[in-house]
């Protein structure tokens, strides 16, 4: 964009954002030509093709299937997954704040990365947490079906505490002196939500650390019957509830 009435100008370096700076040969006025923002960063794949790839992946297509349909290389598809995954994480982290939820149900979904846990060497188990058995920690509100947070990692007590603290930071918590006796009323703790988990032993400590006395906590243990085939869903044969 020319910022003066003269048609004679030359380049004059770049600004701190990498945009080309121009300088008029007659009046000496300088200006910057701002480049349009690239929606996909450094990737040159057309935006319609990128949208089609994401639609196919969200509908359950594999990476190689999306590659055959769209013609986009599978390495580019993996880069798109990382790019949009990080963007979605930033978006959800900003928006999922100040929530009022009634009943949160916590669970973990098993998967594996690289290789099964039985094939992970003892040295790798000691030093690495990104191979072998990996769990997707989820938290869903029973009424709204909203998932305020999630976590990827091992099924450990440390991750249980981290996940509970993350969820607690997204809810509307009472003010520090709300439980004190004031205005001629007796003091007491206000329950902000109800929490249900499975029988993982690290959950009670994590719930107490993150929420304290402001929640109603219960454990639901489900008993399953062994499936006939590997990777097929098991049949639930009973439940046990603990308050």
Foldseek 3Di string as FASTA:
>chain_A
DDPDDDPAKDWDDADPVRFIKIAHPPPGDIDTDDDDDDPLPPDPDDPVLLVQLVVCVVVPDDLVRSCVVSVDDSVVSVSSCVRVVVVVVVVLLVPLAADQAAEKEKDKDKDFPPDAQVPQDPVCVVPPWRGHIKIKIWIAGPPPRDTSDIDITDPDLVVLLVVLQSVLRRYDADDPCQQPDDPPRHGDAAARYEYEYEDDPSNVVSNCVRPNPNYHYKYKYWDWDDDPDPPDDTHTDDIDIDD
